[in-house]
Protein backbone atom coordinates (compact mmCIF):
# COMPACT_ATOMS: atom_id res chain seq x y z
CA MET A 1 79.56 -19.71 65.71
CA THR A 2 82.25 -18.09 63.55
CA MET A 3 80.97 -19.92 60.46
CA VAL A 4 77.38 -18.85 61.11
CA LEU A 5 78.52 -15.25 61.56
CA LEU A 6 80.61 -15.39 58.37
CA PHE A 7 77.71 -16.82 56.41
CA ALA A 8 75.30 -14.22 57.80
CA LEU A 9 77.64 -11.28 57.13
CA PHE A 10 78.33 -12.32 53.57
CA PHE A 11 74.71 -13.31 52.92
CA GLN A 12 73.75 -9.75 53.92
CA THR A 13 76.53 -8.42 51.71
CA GLY A 14 75.35 -10.52 48.77
CA LEU A 15 71.77 -9.44 49.33
CA PHE A 16 72.51 -5.73 49.23
CA SER A 17 75.62 -5.34 47.04
CA ILE A 18 73.71 -4.37 43.93
CA GLY A 19 76.00 -3.77 40.97
CA GLY A 20 78.53 -6.56 41.17
CA GLY A 21 81.68 -7.48 43.02
CA LEU A 22 83.09 -4.02 43.67
CA ALA A 23 79.83 -3.09 45.36
CA THR A 24 80.87 -5.43 48.20
CA LEU A 25 83.67 -3.04 49.22
CA PRO A 26 81.52 -0.78 51.43
CA PHE A 27 80.35 -3.88 53.28
CA LEU A 28 83.93 -5.10 53.76
CA TYR A 29 84.87 -1.68 55.16
CA GLN A 30 81.96 -1.93 57.58
CA MET A 31 83.14 -5.40 58.65
CA ALA A 32 86.63 -3.99 59.14
CA ASP A 33 85.17 -1.37 61.47
CA HIS A 34 83.36 -3.97 63.59
CA TYR A 35 85.49 -7.14 63.63
CA GLU A 36 89.10 -7.62 64.66
CA TRP A 37 89.83 -10.22 61.98
CA LEU A 38 89.63 -7.55 59.27
CA ASN A 39 90.99 -4.00 58.89
CA HIS A 40 91.03 -1.34 56.17
CA GLU A 41 94.54 -2.21 55.00
CA MET A 42 93.51 -5.85 54.61
CA VAL A 43 90.52 -4.73 52.53
CA ALA A 44 92.95 -2.98 50.17
CA ASP A 45 95.02 -6.19 49.96
CA ILE A 46 91.86 -8.24 49.42
CA LEU A 47 90.83 -5.95 46.57
CA ALA A 48 94.25 -6.19 44.92
CA VAL A 49 94.34 -9.98 45.15
CA ALA A 50 90.69 -10.36 44.07
CA GLN A 51 91.18 -8.16 41.01
CA SER A 52 94.35 -10.01 40.05
CA SER A 53 92.79 -13.45 40.46
CA PRO A 54 90.55 -15.20 37.96
CA GLY A 55 86.88 -15.30 38.83
CA ALA A 56 84.28 -12.96 40.18
CA ILE A 57 85.77 -10.13 42.25
CA GLY A 58 83.08 -10.24 44.93
CA VAL A 59 83.40 -13.99 45.42
CA ASN A 60 87.19 -13.72 45.48
CA MET A 61 87.02 -10.98 48.12
CA ALA A 62 84.56 -12.99 50.23
CA ALA A 63 86.72 -16.11 50.01
CA TYR A 64 89.88 -14.19 50.90
CA ALA A 65 88.22 -12.51 53.92
CA GLY A 66 86.67 -15.81 55.02
CA TYR A 67 90.01 -17.57 54.69
CA HIS A 68 91.69 -14.90 56.78
CA CYS A 69 89.02 -15.32 59.46
CA ALA A 70 88.62 -19.11 59.56
CA GLY A 71 90.86 -20.83 57.02
CA ILE A 72 89.58 -22.91 54.10
CA PRO A 73 86.17 -23.61 55.69
CA GLY A 74 85.77 -19.87 56.28
CA ALA A 75 86.59 -19.13 52.63
CA PHE A 76 83.97 -21.61 51.48
CA VAL A 77 81.29 -20.38 53.90
CA ALA A 78 81.90 -16.68 53.10
CA ALA A 79 81.77 -17.30 49.33
CA LEU A 80 78.62 -19.42 49.72
CA GLY A 81 77.03 -16.73 51.86
CA LEU A 82 77.81 -14.09 49.23
CA ILE A 83 76.38 -16.00 46.26
CA SER A 84 73.32 -17.51 47.98
CA PRO A 85 71.11 -14.40 47.76
CA SER A 86 71.89 -14.01 44.05
CA ILE A 87 70.96 -17.60 43.33
CA ILE A 88 67.72 -17.29 45.28
CA ILE A 89 66.79 -13.95 43.72
CA ILE A 90 67.64 -15.07 40.17
CA ILE A 91 65.46 -18.16 40.52
CA ILE A 92 62.55 -16.09 41.84
CA ILE A 93 62.94 -13.34 39.22
CA ALA A 94 63.29 -15.80 36.34
CA ARG A 95 60.01 -17.41 37.31
CA MET A 96 58.19 -14.14 37.80
CA LEU A 97 59.72 -11.91 35.12
CA LYS A 98 57.69 -13.38 32.28
CA THR A 99 54.52 -12.56 34.17
CA PHE A 100 55.50 -9.08 35.37
CA ARG A 101 57.62 -7.83 32.47
CA GLU A 102 55.16 -5.06 31.61
CA ASN A 103 54.29 -4.20 35.24
CA THR A 104 55.04 -0.52 35.95
CA THR A 105 56.14 -1.27 39.51
CA VAL A 106 58.70 -3.83 38.33
CA VAL A 107 59.98 -1.40 35.70
CA ALA A 108 60.22 1.34 38.36
CA VAL A 109 62.11 -0.95 40.77
CA PHE A 110 64.69 -1.80 38.10
CA SER A 111 64.96 1.89 37.17
CA GLY A 112 65.70 2.68 40.82
CA LEU A 113 68.25 -0.11 41.16
CA ARG A 114 70.44 1.19 38.32
CA PRO A 115 71.42 4.45 40.08
CA ALA A 116 71.84 2.55 43.35
CA ALA A 117 74.27 0.19 41.62
CA ALA A 118 76.12 3.13 40.07
CA GLY A 119 76.38 4.80 43.49
CA LEU A 120 77.74 1.67 45.15
CA LEU A 121 80.29 1.21 42.38
CA ALA A 122 81.33 4.88 42.53
CA ALA A 123 81.78 4.63 46.31
CA ALA A 124 83.84 1.47 45.88
CA GLY A 125 85.95 3.14 43.19
CA PHE A 126 86.54 6.18 45.37
CA GLY A 127 87.52 3.92 48.28
CA ALA A 128 89.98 2.03 46.07
CA LEU A 129 91.47 5.31 44.81
CA LYS A 130 91.85 6.59 48.36
CA LEU A 131 93.54 3.39 49.53
CA SER A 132 95.85 3.34 46.51
CA LEU A 133 96.79 6.98 46.14
CA TYR A 134 96.38 8.64 49.55
CA ASN A 135 99.11 8.38 52.18
CA SER A 136 97.36 8.68 55.54
CA GLY A 137 100.67 8.46 57.42
CA ALA A 138 102.17 11.51 55.74
CA SER A 139 104.11 13.86 57.97
CA VAL A 140 104.01 16.83 55.59
CA TRP A 141 101.31 18.03 53.17
CA TYR A 142 103.17 17.21 49.95
CA GLU A 143 103.43 13.55 50.97
CA LEU A 144 99.63 13.18 51.26
CA LEU A 145 99.54 11.72 47.76
CA ARG A 146 101.56 8.74 46.68
CA TRP A 147 102.97 10.47 43.60
CA ARG A 148 104.42 7.43 41.83
CA GLU A 149 101.16 5.54 42.28
CA CYS A 150 99.22 8.60 41.04
CA LEU A 151 101.39 8.76 37.93
CA LEU A 152 100.93 5.02 37.33
CA PHE A 153 97.16 5.43 37.79
CA VAL A 154 96.95 8.28 35.26
CA VAL A 155 99.13 6.51 32.69
CA LEU A 156 97.21 3.23 32.98
CA PHE A 157 93.87 5.05 32.90
CA LEU A 158 94.83 6.85 29.67
CA LEU A 159 96.22 3.69 28.09
CA ILE A 160 93.10 1.69 28.97
CA TYR A 161 90.81 4.48 27.79
CA HIS A 162 92.55 5.00 24.45
CA PHE A 163 93.79 1.53 23.47
CA LYS A 164 91.28 -0.84 25.12
CA LYS A 165 93.62 -3.84 25.17
CA HIS A 166 92.99 -6.91 27.28
CA PRO A 167 93.00 -6.16 31.05
CA ILE A 168 95.69 -8.78 31.68
CA ILE A 169 98.17 -6.63 29.76
CA TYR A 170 97.56 -3.69 32.09
CA ILE A 171 97.58 -5.83 35.24
CA ALA A 172 100.87 -7.46 34.25
CA ALA A 173 102.39 -4.09 33.30
CA ALA A 174 101.29 -2.56 36.62
CA GLY A 175 102.82 -5.50 38.52
CA VAL A 176 106.13 -5.18 36.70
CA ILE A 177 106.17 -1.39 37.18
CA GLY A 178 105.35 -1.88 40.88
CA ILE A 179 108.34 -4.20 41.23
CA VAL A 180 110.67 -1.91 39.26
CA LEU A 181 109.64 1.22 41.16
CA GLY A 182 109.47 -0.59 44.51
CA LEU A 183 105.85 0.43 45.14
């Protein structure tokens, strides 16, 4: 039953996470609220590992969560559940798009999906910022922010924005800085 539940949860996630891998984060948070095999701190770890690993972020996150729940079979089932809706939808759309390319309803649907994708990604980004920079266990107000992590975020953001080097450079630099600063 665990495998069926994993497949169903990640099939639903894949069906509604419009906008790519990071759009799966709200669904993972919801799973963390409802199932004991996942919590919000694990979601933050899943995100960090998924972003640092090669491959699609959403599939990596699904596999990691599935592995945590049910080992290697769970990783496979969760990843399969996540990608199945995309495969089905792409096959259907590819067959129908030629016919309905000029249809105003189809154009309107795609126009509505763009802001939905942007909203899901923004929510995921805000959630990642909160998990990375906010210290929920702070005993005094000035410890609410993780200042070293905030500084690292700002510096990396500015470097990425201005220099646009390969992401691996920034990931490696952040890892080294995290080790050096003991983050």
